[in-house]
Every structure is written in structure tokens, then in C-alpha cells.
Amino acid sequence: MKWILICALAAIVPCAASAGERIAGTNSYIVKEDRWPIDYGTYWRQDNGGTFSVTEGPLEDGFVQCIGAGFGTAGGSRGEGICVFTTGDFAQSIDTFTWEWTIVSTAQNAWKVIGATGKYAGMRGSGTARTRIGSEFRAKRFRITDWEGEIEMPPFRD
């Protein structure tokens, strides 16, 4: 009997650890960034707005605004901020989720969910993101951020 319980627990534990759903997607936005020189590099702040599309997972496409600030040096950047993702019909109700992001290395961020409303209320999760230049030949600077990770959605959602 003891071995049956141990085997049953061993089978259940891995399932509980993988309760999250994989997600992946892409943000595309116009860059609105200010920079100021400092003794060892620059201080920057950004407020980038655009759209996001989901390539994997239970999220819907929508609008995104990423806000943040930090320091750039010859050795790389450090900074942090938030991205607010909005889906749904603006005339009805707005469903949002907000990620906190932190620069890990040049062009790579780590993110985690810090809030959600509407059908996303209760969402939890984390992942990584990589940012690249969308095109050097546009009138306005354009960036693309590819993200992936794992989320846990609330049990009852529309």
C-alpha cells in the first residue's frame, strides 16, 4: 500500500508543476524615446505604443503600451518598466493585463504579470522578450518585441 501511494504521488506532482499554458507573441510599436547625456552614458525613458499579436496561447490580439526608463552605458543598458496589453471591445468592456519588465542583457528582457482586469483577472505568469529594430528606413523609429513564457489563467473566463 505504501508503494502505491508513493507511485501515485510521483505521478501527480509533475502534473501540478506544469499547470501553466505556453504563450508567444509579438509587439509592434512606434518608438517614442527621450535621451539625456550623463557622465558615463545616457539616461533614457520611453513610452512606446502599438499592437500585439498572439502566435501561441489563450490570449487575444490587441493594443500594447510599454513605458520604462533606465541607463545606457558602453557596457549595455539597465532599466525597467511596464507593458499594458488591452483587448476587447472598447464600447463594452476592456480586458487588460500588465507585465513588469526588466532588462536582462542587450535587447533581452524578463517579464512577469503584475496585474489583470476583466476576463484576465487572476492571470499569473512570466517569461522573456527580445526586441529588435523593425526597420531603419521608416520616417519614425519602429521596434518589434517577440515574447514567450508561461501563464496561468483564472479557472472561469469567457
N, C-alpha and C. Protein backbone atom coordinates (compact mmCIF):
# COMPACT_ATOMS: atom_id res chain seq x y z
N MET A 1 0.82 -1.19 0.00
CA MET A 1 0.00 0.00 0.00
C MET A 1 0.86 1.26 0.00
N LYS A 2 1.94 1.23 0.79
CA LYS A 2 2.84 2.38 0.88
C LYS A 2 3.42 2.71 -0.50
N TRP A 3 3.83 1.71 -1.26
CA TRP A 3 4.43 1.93 -2.59
C TRP A 3 3.40 2.45 -3.58
N ILE A 4 2.15 2.03 -3.44
CA ILE A 4 1.09 2.53 -4.32
C ILE A 4 0.90 4.03 -4.11
N LEU A 5 0.89 4.47 -2.84
CA LEU A 5 0.76 5.90 -2.54
C LEU A 5 1.94 6.70 -3.07
N ILE A 6 3.15 6.17 -2.91
CA ILE A 6 4.34 6.87 -3.40
C ILE A 6 4.29 7.00 -4.92
N CYS A 7 3.91 5.93 -5.62
CA CYS A 7 3.81 5.97 -7.09
C CYS A 7 2.72 6.95 -7.53
N ALA A 8 1.60 6.97 -6.83
CA ALA A 8 0.51 7.89 -7.17
C ALA A 8 0.94 9.34 -6.98
N LEU A 9 1.63 9.63 -5.89
CA LEU A 9 2.13 10.98 -5.66
C LEU A 9 3.17 11.38 -6.70
N ALA A 10 4.04 10.48 -7.07
CA ALA A 10 5.05 10.76 -8.09
C ALA A 10 4.40 11.08 -9.43
N ALA A 11 3.29 10.48 -9.73
CA ALA A 11 2.58 10.75 -10.98
C ALA A 11 1.84 12.07 -10.94
N ILE A 12 1.33 12.47 -9.77
CA ILE A 12 0.55 13.70 -9.63
C ILE A 12 1.44 14.93 -9.58
N VAL A 13 2.55 14.90 -8.89
CA VAL A 13 3.39 16.08 -8.68
C VAL A 13 3.85 16.72 -9.99
N PRO A 14 4.37 15.99 -10.99
CA PRO A 14 4.76 16.65 -12.22
C PRO A 14 3.60 17.33 -12.92
N CYS A 15 2.40 16.79 -12.85
CA CYS A 15 1.23 17.41 -13.48
C CYS A 15 0.90 18.74 -12.82
N ALA A 16 1.00 18.82 -11.52
CA ALA A 16 0.70 20.05 -10.82
C ALA A 16 1.72 21.13 -11.15
N ALA A 17 2.96 20.76 -11.38
CA ALA A 17 4.00 21.74 -11.67
C ALA A 17 3.86 22.32 -13.07
N SER A 18 3.18 21.63 -13.99
CA SER A 18 3.06 22.13 -15.34
C SER A 18 1.65 22.65 -15.62
N ALA A 19 1.05 23.36 -14.67
CA ALA A 19 -0.31 23.85 -14.80
C ALA A 19 -0.43 25.04 -15.74
N GLY A 20 0.67 25.71 -16.06
CA GLY A 20 0.63 26.89 -16.91
C GLY A 20 0.47 26.55 -18.38
N GLU A 21 0.09 27.58 -19.14
CA GLU A 21 -0.05 27.45 -20.59
C GLU A 21 1.06 28.26 -21.26
N ARG A 22 1.65 27.69 -22.29
CA ARG A 22 2.69 28.39 -23.04
C ARG A 22 2.04 29.49 -23.87
N ILE A 23 2.70 30.65 -23.90
CA ILE A 23 2.25 31.75 -24.75
C ILE A 23 3.42 32.28 -25.55
N ALA A 24 3.12 32.87 -26.68
CA ALA A 24 4.13 33.53 -27.51
C ALA A 24 3.42 34.58 -28.35
N GLY A 25 4.13 35.65 -28.65
CA GLY A 25 3.54 36.70 -29.46
C GLY A 25 4.55 37.77 -29.82
N THR A 26 4.04 38.82 -30.46
CA THR A 26 4.90 39.89 -30.95
C THR A 26 4.24 41.24 -30.74
N ASN A 27 4.99 42.19 -30.17
CA ASN A 27 4.58 43.59 -30.09
C ASN A 27 5.21 44.32 -31.25
N SER A 28 4.46 45.23 -31.87
CA SER A 28 5.00 46.10 -32.93
C SER A 28 4.61 47.52 -32.55
N TYR A 29 5.61 48.40 -32.40
CA TYR A 29 5.28 49.74 -31.96
C TYR A 29 6.23 50.81 -32.47
N ILE A 30 5.67 52.02 -32.52
CA ILE A 30 6.44 53.21 -32.84
C ILE A 30 7.20 53.60 -31.58
N VAL A 31 8.45 53.94 -31.73
CA VAL A 31 9.30 54.28 -30.59
C VAL A 31 9.15 55.77 -30.26
N LYS A 32 8.81 56.03 -29.02
CA LYS A 32 8.81 57.40 -28.50
C LYS A 32 9.78 57.38 -27.32
N GLU A 33 10.99 57.85 -27.56
CA GLU A 33 12.05 57.74 -26.56
C GLU A 33 12.80 59.06 -26.44
N ASP A 34 13.11 59.43 -25.22
CA ASP A 34 13.93 60.61 -24.94
C ASP A 34 15.23 60.14 -24.31
N ARG A 35 16.31 60.84 -24.62
CA ARG A 35 17.64 60.50 -24.08
C ARG A 35 18.34 61.77 -23.61
N TRP A 36 19.07 61.64 -22.49
CA TRP A 36 19.87 62.74 -21.96
C TRP A 36 21.26 62.22 -21.65
N PRO A 37 22.29 62.98 -22.03
CA PRO A 37 23.67 62.53 -21.74
C PRO A 37 23.98 62.66 -20.25
N ILE A 38 24.70 61.70 -19.73
CA ILE A 38 25.24 61.75 -18.38
C ILE A 38 26.72 61.40 -18.46
N ASP A 39 27.45 61.53 -17.39
CA ASP A 39 28.91 61.34 -17.43
C ASP A 39 29.34 59.99 -18.00
N TYR A 40 28.61 58.94 -17.75
CA TYR A 40 29.04 57.61 -18.17
C TYR A 40 28.15 57.00 -19.25
N GLY A 41 27.30 57.79 -19.91
CA GLY A 41 26.44 57.26 -20.96
C GLY A 41 25.21 58.12 -21.17
N THR A 42 24.03 57.50 -21.09
CA THR A 42 22.77 58.23 -21.26
C THR A 42 21.73 57.73 -20.26
N TYR A 43 20.80 58.61 -19.97
CA TYR A 43 19.59 58.22 -19.26
C TYR A 43 18.48 58.26 -20.31
N TRP A 44 17.61 57.25 -20.34
CA TRP A 44 16.55 57.21 -21.34
C TRP A 44 15.21 56.91 -20.68
N ARG A 45 14.16 57.35 -21.35
CA ARG A 45 12.80 56.97 -20.95
C ARG A 45 12.02 56.76 -22.25
N GLN A 46 11.07 55.85 -22.19
CA GLN A 46 10.30 55.54 -23.39
C GLN A 46 8.83 55.39 -23.06
N ASP A 47 8.00 55.62 -24.06
CA ASP A 47 6.56 55.44 -23.97
C ASP A 47 6.12 54.97 -25.37
N ASN A 48 6.25 53.68 -25.62
CA ASN A 48 6.01 53.12 -26.95
C ASN A 48 4.62 52.52 -27.03
N GLY A 49 3.88 52.87 -28.07
CA GLY A 49 2.54 52.34 -28.23
C GLY A 49 2.37 51.65 -29.57
N GLY A 50 1.56 50.60 -29.59
CA GLY A 50 1.32 49.89 -30.84
C GLY A 50 0.34 48.75 -30.64
N THR A 51 0.60 47.66 -31.35
CA THR A 51 -0.28 46.50 -31.31
C THR A 51 0.52 45.26 -30.93
N PHE A 52 -0.21 44.21 -30.53
CA PHE A 52 0.43 42.92 -30.30
C PHE A 52 -0.40 41.83 -30.95
N SER A 53 0.29 40.80 -31.40
CA SER A 53 -0.39 39.63 -31.97
C SER A 53 0.10 38.39 -31.25
N VAL A 54 -0.81 37.47 -31.03
CA VAL A 54 -0.52 36.24 -30.29
C VAL A 54 -0.32 35.11 -31.29
N THR A 55 0.79 34.40 -31.16
CA THR A 55 1.06 33.27 -32.04
C THR A 55 0.83 31.94 -31.35
N GLU A 56 0.76 31.96 -30.01
CA GLU A 56 0.51 30.72 -29.26
C GLU A 56 -0.11 31.07 -27.92
N GLY A 57 -1.16 30.36 -27.55
CA GLY A 57 -1.75 30.54 -26.23
C GLY A 57 -3.15 31.12 -26.27
N PRO A 58 -3.76 31.31 -25.08
CA PRO A 58 -5.17 31.68 -24.96
C PRO A 58 -5.46 33.19 -24.99
N LEU A 59 -4.47 34.02 -25.29
CA LEU A 59 -4.68 35.46 -25.30
C LEU A 59 -5.22 35.92 -26.65
N GLU A 60 -5.83 37.11 -26.67
CA GLU A 60 -6.34 37.71 -27.91
C GLU A 60 -5.40 38.82 -28.35
N ASP A 61 -5.35 39.09 -29.64
CA ASP A 61 -4.58 40.21 -30.17
C ASP A 61 -5.17 41.52 -29.66
N GLY A 62 -4.36 42.58 -29.62
CA GLY A 62 -4.87 43.86 -29.16
C GLY A 62 -3.84 44.96 -29.24
N PHE A 63 -3.98 45.91 -28.33
CA PHE A 63 -3.09 47.07 -28.27
C PHE A 63 -2.15 46.95 -27.09
N VAL A 64 -0.95 47.55 -27.21
CA VAL A 64 0.03 47.49 -26.14
C VAL A 64 0.69 48.86 -25.98
N GLN A 65 0.98 49.22 -24.74
CA GLN A 65 1.75 50.41 -24.43
C GLN A 65 2.84 49.99 -23.46
N CYS A 66 4.09 50.24 -23.83
CA CYS A 66 5.24 49.90 -22.98
C CYS A 66 5.94 51.17 -22.54
N ILE A 67 6.07 51.33 -21.23
CA ILE A 67 6.64 52.52 -20.62
C ILE A 67 7.81 52.08 -19.76
N GLY A 68 8.91 52.83 -19.79
CA GLY A 68 10.03 52.46 -18.95
C GLY A 68 11.14 53.50 -18.99
N ALA A 69 12.17 53.24 -18.20
CA ALA A 69 13.31 54.16 -18.12
C ALA A 69 14.53 53.38 -17.65
N GLY A 70 15.70 53.98 -17.90
CA GLY A 70 16.93 53.34 -17.45
C GLY A 70 18.17 54.08 -17.90
N PHE A 71 19.29 53.40 -17.81
CA PHE A 71 20.59 53.98 -18.13
C PHE A 71 21.27 53.16 -19.21
N GLY A 72 21.90 53.83 -20.16
CA GLY A 72 22.69 53.16 -21.19
C GLY A 72 24.15 53.52 -21.01
N THR A 73 25.01 52.52 -21.03
CA THR A 73 26.45 52.74 -20.90
C THR A 73 27.16 51.96 -22.00
N ALA A 74 28.46 52.11 -22.08
CA ALA A 74 29.24 51.36 -23.06
C ALA A 74 29.10 49.85 -22.82
N GLY A 75 28.84 49.46 -21.60
CA GLY A 75 28.70 48.05 -21.26
C GLY A 75 27.30 47.49 -21.45
N GLY A 76 26.33 48.30 -21.86
CA GLY A 76 24.96 47.84 -22.05
C GLY A 76 23.96 48.74 -21.35
N SER A 77 22.74 48.30 -21.29
CA SER A 77 21.66 49.07 -20.67
C SER A 77 21.14 48.37 -19.43
N ARG A 78 20.58 49.18 -18.54
CA ARG A 78 19.81 48.64 -17.43
C ARG A 78 18.57 49.50 -17.31
N GLY A 79 17.46 48.87 -17.05
CA GLY A 79 16.22 49.61 -16.96
C GLY A 79 15.06 48.69 -16.67
N GLU A 80 13.91 49.30 -16.48
CA GLU A 80 12.70 48.54 -16.17
C GLU A 80 11.49 49.36 -16.53
N GLY A 81 10.34 48.72 -16.54
CA GLY A 81 9.10 49.40 -16.84
C GLY A 81 7.93 48.44 -16.84
N ILE A 82 6.85 48.87 -17.51
CA ILE A 82 5.67 48.03 -17.62
C ILE A 82 5.17 48.05 -19.06
N CYS A 83 4.44 47.01 -19.41
CA CYS A 83 3.68 46.97 -20.66
C CYS A 83 2.24 46.66 -20.29
N VAL A 84 1.31 47.47 -20.81
CA VAL A 84 -0.11 47.26 -20.58
C VAL A 84 -0.73 46.78 -21.88
N PHE A 85 -1.31 45.58 -21.84
CA PHE A 85 -1.93 44.95 -23.01
C PHE A 85 -3.44 45.09 -22.87
N THR A 86 -4.12 45.52 -23.94
CA THR A 86 -5.56 45.76 -23.90
C THR A 86 -6.23 44.98 -25.03
N THR A 87 -7.29 44.25 -24.69
CA THR A 87 -8.09 43.53 -25.69
C THR A 87 -9.56 43.82 -25.42
N GLY A 88 -10.39 43.38 -26.31
CA GLY A 88 -11.83 43.53 -26.12
C GLY A 88 -12.39 44.73 -26.83
N ASP A 89 -13.69 44.86 -26.75
CA ASP A 89 -14.43 45.92 -27.40
C ASP A 89 -14.46 47.13 -26.46
N PHE A 90 -13.91 48.25 -26.91
CA PHE A 90 -13.84 49.44 -26.05
C PHE A 90 -15.24 49.94 -25.66
N ALA A 91 -16.24 49.69 -26.48
CA ALA A 91 -17.60 50.13 -26.16
C ALA A 91 -18.24 49.26 -25.08
N GLN A 92 -17.79 48.03 -24.96
CA GLN A 92 -18.36 47.11 -23.97
C GLN A 92 -17.52 47.12 -22.69
N SER A 93 -16.51 46.28 -22.67
CA SER A 93 -15.62 46.23 -21.51
C SER A 93 -14.20 46.03 -22.01
N ILE A 94 -13.26 46.48 -21.24
CA ILE A 94 -11.86 46.35 -21.64
C ILE A 94 -11.20 45.31 -20.74
N ASP A 95 -10.52 44.39 -21.36
CA ASP A 95 -9.77 43.37 -20.65
C ASP A 95 -8.29 43.72 -20.79
N THR A 96 -7.58 43.78 -19.66
CA THR A 96 -6.16 44.15 -19.69
C THR A 96 -5.32 43.19 -18.88
N PHE A 97 -4.04 43.16 -19.23
CA PHE A 97 -3.05 42.51 -18.37
C PHE A 97 -1.78 43.34 -18.46
N THR A 98 -1.08 43.43 -17.33
CA THR A 98 0.10 44.29 -17.23
C THR A 98 1.30 43.45 -16.83
N TRP A 99 2.40 43.69 -17.56
CA TRP A 99 3.66 43.00 -17.28
C TRP A 99 4.68 44.00 -16.79
N GLU A 100 5.42 43.62 -15.79
CA GLU A 100 6.61 44.36 -15.37
C GLU A 100 7.78 43.75 -16.13
N TRP A 101 8.65 44.59 -16.71
CA TRP A 101 9.81 44.05 -17.41
C TRP A 101 11.09 44.66 -16.86
N THR A 102 12.16 43.89 -16.96
CA THR A 102 13.49 44.30 -16.53
C THR A 102 14.48 43.87 -17.59
N ILE A 103 15.40 44.76 -17.94
CA ILE A 103 16.43 44.41 -18.92
C ILE A 103 17.38 43.38 -18.30
N VAL A 104 17.59 42.29 -19.02
CA VAL A 104 18.50 41.23 -18.58
C VAL A 104 19.85 41.40 -19.27
N SER A 105 19.81 41.66 -20.57
CA SER A 105 21.02 41.91 -21.36
C SER A 105 20.60 42.74 -22.57
N THR A 106 21.51 43.12 -23.40
CA THR A 106 21.19 43.94 -24.55
C THR A 106 20.05 43.30 -25.34
N ALA A 107 18.97 44.04 -25.49
CA ALA A 107 17.79 43.66 -26.26
C ALA A 107 16.99 42.50 -25.66
N GLN A 108 17.31 42.02 -24.46
CA GLN A 108 16.53 40.93 -23.85
C GLN A 108 15.99 41.37 -22.50
N ASN A 109 14.72 41.06 -22.28
CA ASN A 109 14.05 41.40 -21.03
C ASN A 109 13.48 40.15 -20.38
N ALA A 110 13.27 40.23 -19.08
CA ALA A 110 12.48 39.25 -18.35
C ALA A 110 11.20 39.97 -17.95
N TRP A 111 10.06 39.28 -18.01
CA TRP A 111 8.79 39.89 -17.64
C TRP A 111 8.01 38.98 -16.70
N LYS A 112 7.09 39.62 -15.96
CA LYS A 112 6.15 38.86 -15.12
C LYS A 112 4.85 39.64 -15.04
N VAL A 113 3.76 38.92 -14.93
CA VAL A 113 2.43 39.54 -14.82
C VAL A 113 2.31 40.17 -13.44
N ILE A 114 1.88 41.45 -13.41
CA ILE A 114 1.69 42.12 -12.12
C ILE A 114 0.26 42.61 -11.91
N GLY A 115 -0.60 42.40 -12.91
CA GLY A 115 -1.99 42.80 -12.75
C GLY A 115 -2.80 42.44 -13.97
N ALA A 116 -4.11 42.30 -13.78
CA ALA A 116 -5.00 41.99 -14.88
C ALA A 116 -6.43 42.34 -14.50
N THR A 117 -7.25 42.67 -15.52
CA THR A 117 -8.65 43.02 -15.30
C THR A 117 -9.53 42.25 -16.27
N GLY A 118 -10.84 42.31 -16.02
CA GLY A 118 -11.80 41.65 -16.91
C GLY A 118 -11.57 40.16 -16.95
N LYS A 119 -11.64 39.59 -18.16
CA LYS A 119 -11.50 38.14 -18.27
C LYS A 119 -10.10 37.65 -17.95
N TYR A 120 -9.13 38.55 -17.85
CA TYR A 120 -7.76 38.16 -17.49
C TYR A 120 -7.50 38.28 -15.99
N ALA A 121 -8.47 38.77 -15.22
CA ALA A 121 -8.28 38.93 -13.77
C ALA A 121 -7.81 37.61 -13.17
N GLY A 122 -6.77 37.68 -12.37
CA GLY A 122 -6.21 36.49 -11.75
C GLY A 122 -5.08 35.85 -12.53
N MET A 123 -4.78 36.38 -13.72
CA MET A 123 -3.68 35.83 -14.53
C MET A 123 -2.36 35.95 -13.77
N ARG A 124 -1.53 34.92 -13.88
CA ARG A 124 -0.18 34.91 -13.33
C ARG A 124 0.75 34.37 -14.40
N GLY A 125 2.03 34.72 -14.34
CA GLY A 125 2.97 34.15 -15.29
C GLY A 125 4.23 34.96 -15.44
N SER A 126 5.15 34.44 -16.26
CA SER A 126 6.42 35.11 -16.50
C SER A 126 7.04 34.56 -17.79
N GLY A 127 8.07 35.26 -18.25
CA GLY A 127 8.74 34.82 -19.46
C GLY A 127 9.86 35.75 -19.86
N THR A 128 10.22 35.70 -21.12
CA THR A 128 11.29 36.53 -21.66
C THR A 128 10.82 37.23 -22.93
N ALA A 129 11.52 38.28 -23.30
CA ALA A 129 11.22 39.03 -24.52
C ALA A 129 12.51 39.50 -25.15
N ARG A 130 12.52 39.59 -26.48
CA ARG A 130 13.66 40.09 -27.24
C ARG A 130 13.19 41.17 -28.18
N THR A 131 13.88 42.31 -28.18
CA THR A 131 13.48 43.44 -29.01
C THR A 131 14.47 43.64 -30.14
N ARG A 132 13.93 44.00 -31.30
CA ARG A 132 14.75 44.27 -32.48
C ARG A 132 14.19 45.48 -33.21
N ILE A 133 14.99 46.03 -34.09
CA ILE A 133 14.56 47.17 -34.90
C ILE A 133 13.64 46.66 -35.98
N GLY A 134 12.48 47.31 -36.15
CA GLY A 134 11.53 46.91 -37.17
C GLY A 134 12.00 47.30 -38.56
N SER A 135 12.49 48.50 -38.71
CA SER A 135 13.03 48.96 -39.98
C SER A 135 13.81 50.23 -39.74
N GLU A 136 14.94 50.34 -40.36
CA GLU A 136 15.75 51.55 -40.26
C GLU A 136 15.30 52.60 -41.26
N PHE A 137 14.42 52.23 -42.18
CA PHE A 137 14.09 53.10 -43.30
C PHE A 137 12.69 53.70 -43.21
N ARG A 138 12.14 53.77 -42.02
CA ARG A 138 10.85 54.41 -41.80
C ARG A 138 11.05 55.83 -41.30
N ALA A 139 10.04 56.67 -41.49
CA ALA A 139 10.12 58.04 -41.01
C ALA A 139 10.19 58.08 -39.48
N LYS A 140 9.50 57.14 -38.84
CA LYS A 140 9.55 57.04 -37.38
C LYS A 140 10.22 55.74 -37.00
N ARG A 141 10.96 55.78 -35.90
CA ARG A 141 11.62 54.54 -35.42
C ARG A 141 10.57 53.53 -35.01
N PHE A 142 10.81 52.29 -35.37
CA PHE A 142 9.84 51.21 -35.20
C PHE A 142 10.55 50.02 -34.58
N ARG A 143 9.95 49.42 -33.55
CA ARG A 143 10.54 48.25 -32.90
C ARG A 143 9.57 47.09 -32.87
N ILE A 144 10.15 45.90 -32.79
CA ILE A 144 9.38 44.67 -32.67
C ILE A 144 9.93 43.91 -31.47
N THR A 145 9.03 43.46 -30.62
CA THR A 145 9.42 42.65 -29.46
C THR A 145 8.73 41.30 -29.55
N ASP A 146 9.52 40.25 -29.60
CA ASP A 146 8.99 38.88 -29.59
C ASP A 146 9.06 38.38 -28.16
N TRP A 147 7.94 37.86 -27.65
CA TRP A 147 7.89 37.39 -26.27
C TRP A 147 7.35 35.97 -26.19
N GLU A 148 7.74 35.33 -25.09
CA GLU A 148 7.25 33.98 -24.82
C GLU A 148 7.30 33.75 -23.32
N GLY A 149 6.57 32.77 -22.89
CA GLY A 149 6.56 32.44 -21.47
C GLY A 149 5.46 31.48 -21.15
N GLU A 150 5.05 31.52 -19.89
CA GLU A 150 4.00 30.63 -19.42
C GLU A 150 3.09 31.42 -18.50
N ILE A 151 1.78 31.22 -18.68
CA ILE A 151 0.80 31.90 -17.82
C ILE A 151 -0.17 30.89 -17.24
N GLU A 152 -0.77 31.30 -16.15
CA GLU A 152 -1.88 30.57 -15.55
C GLU A 152 -3.08 31.51 -15.61
N MET A 153 -4.14 31.05 -16.23
CA MET A 153 -5.35 31.86 -16.36
C MET A 153 -6.32 31.50 -15.23
N PRO A 154 -7.20 32.44 -14.90
CA PRO A 154 -8.22 32.12 -13.88
C PRO A 154 -9.09 30.96 -14.36
N PRO A 155 -9.65 30.18 -13.43
CA PRO A 155 -10.41 29.00 -13.84
C PRO A 155 -11.68 29.31 -14.62
N PHE A 156 -12.34 30.42 -14.37
CA PHE A 156 -13.58 30.77 -15.07
C PHE A 156 -13.37 32.05 -15.86
N ARG A 157 -13.41 31.91 -17.16
CA ARG A 157 -13.26 33.08 -18.03
C ARG A 157 -14.18 32.92 -19.24
N ASP A 158 -14.46 34.03 -19.89
CA ASP A 158 -15.33 34.00 -21.10
C ASP A 158 -14.61 33.36 -22.25
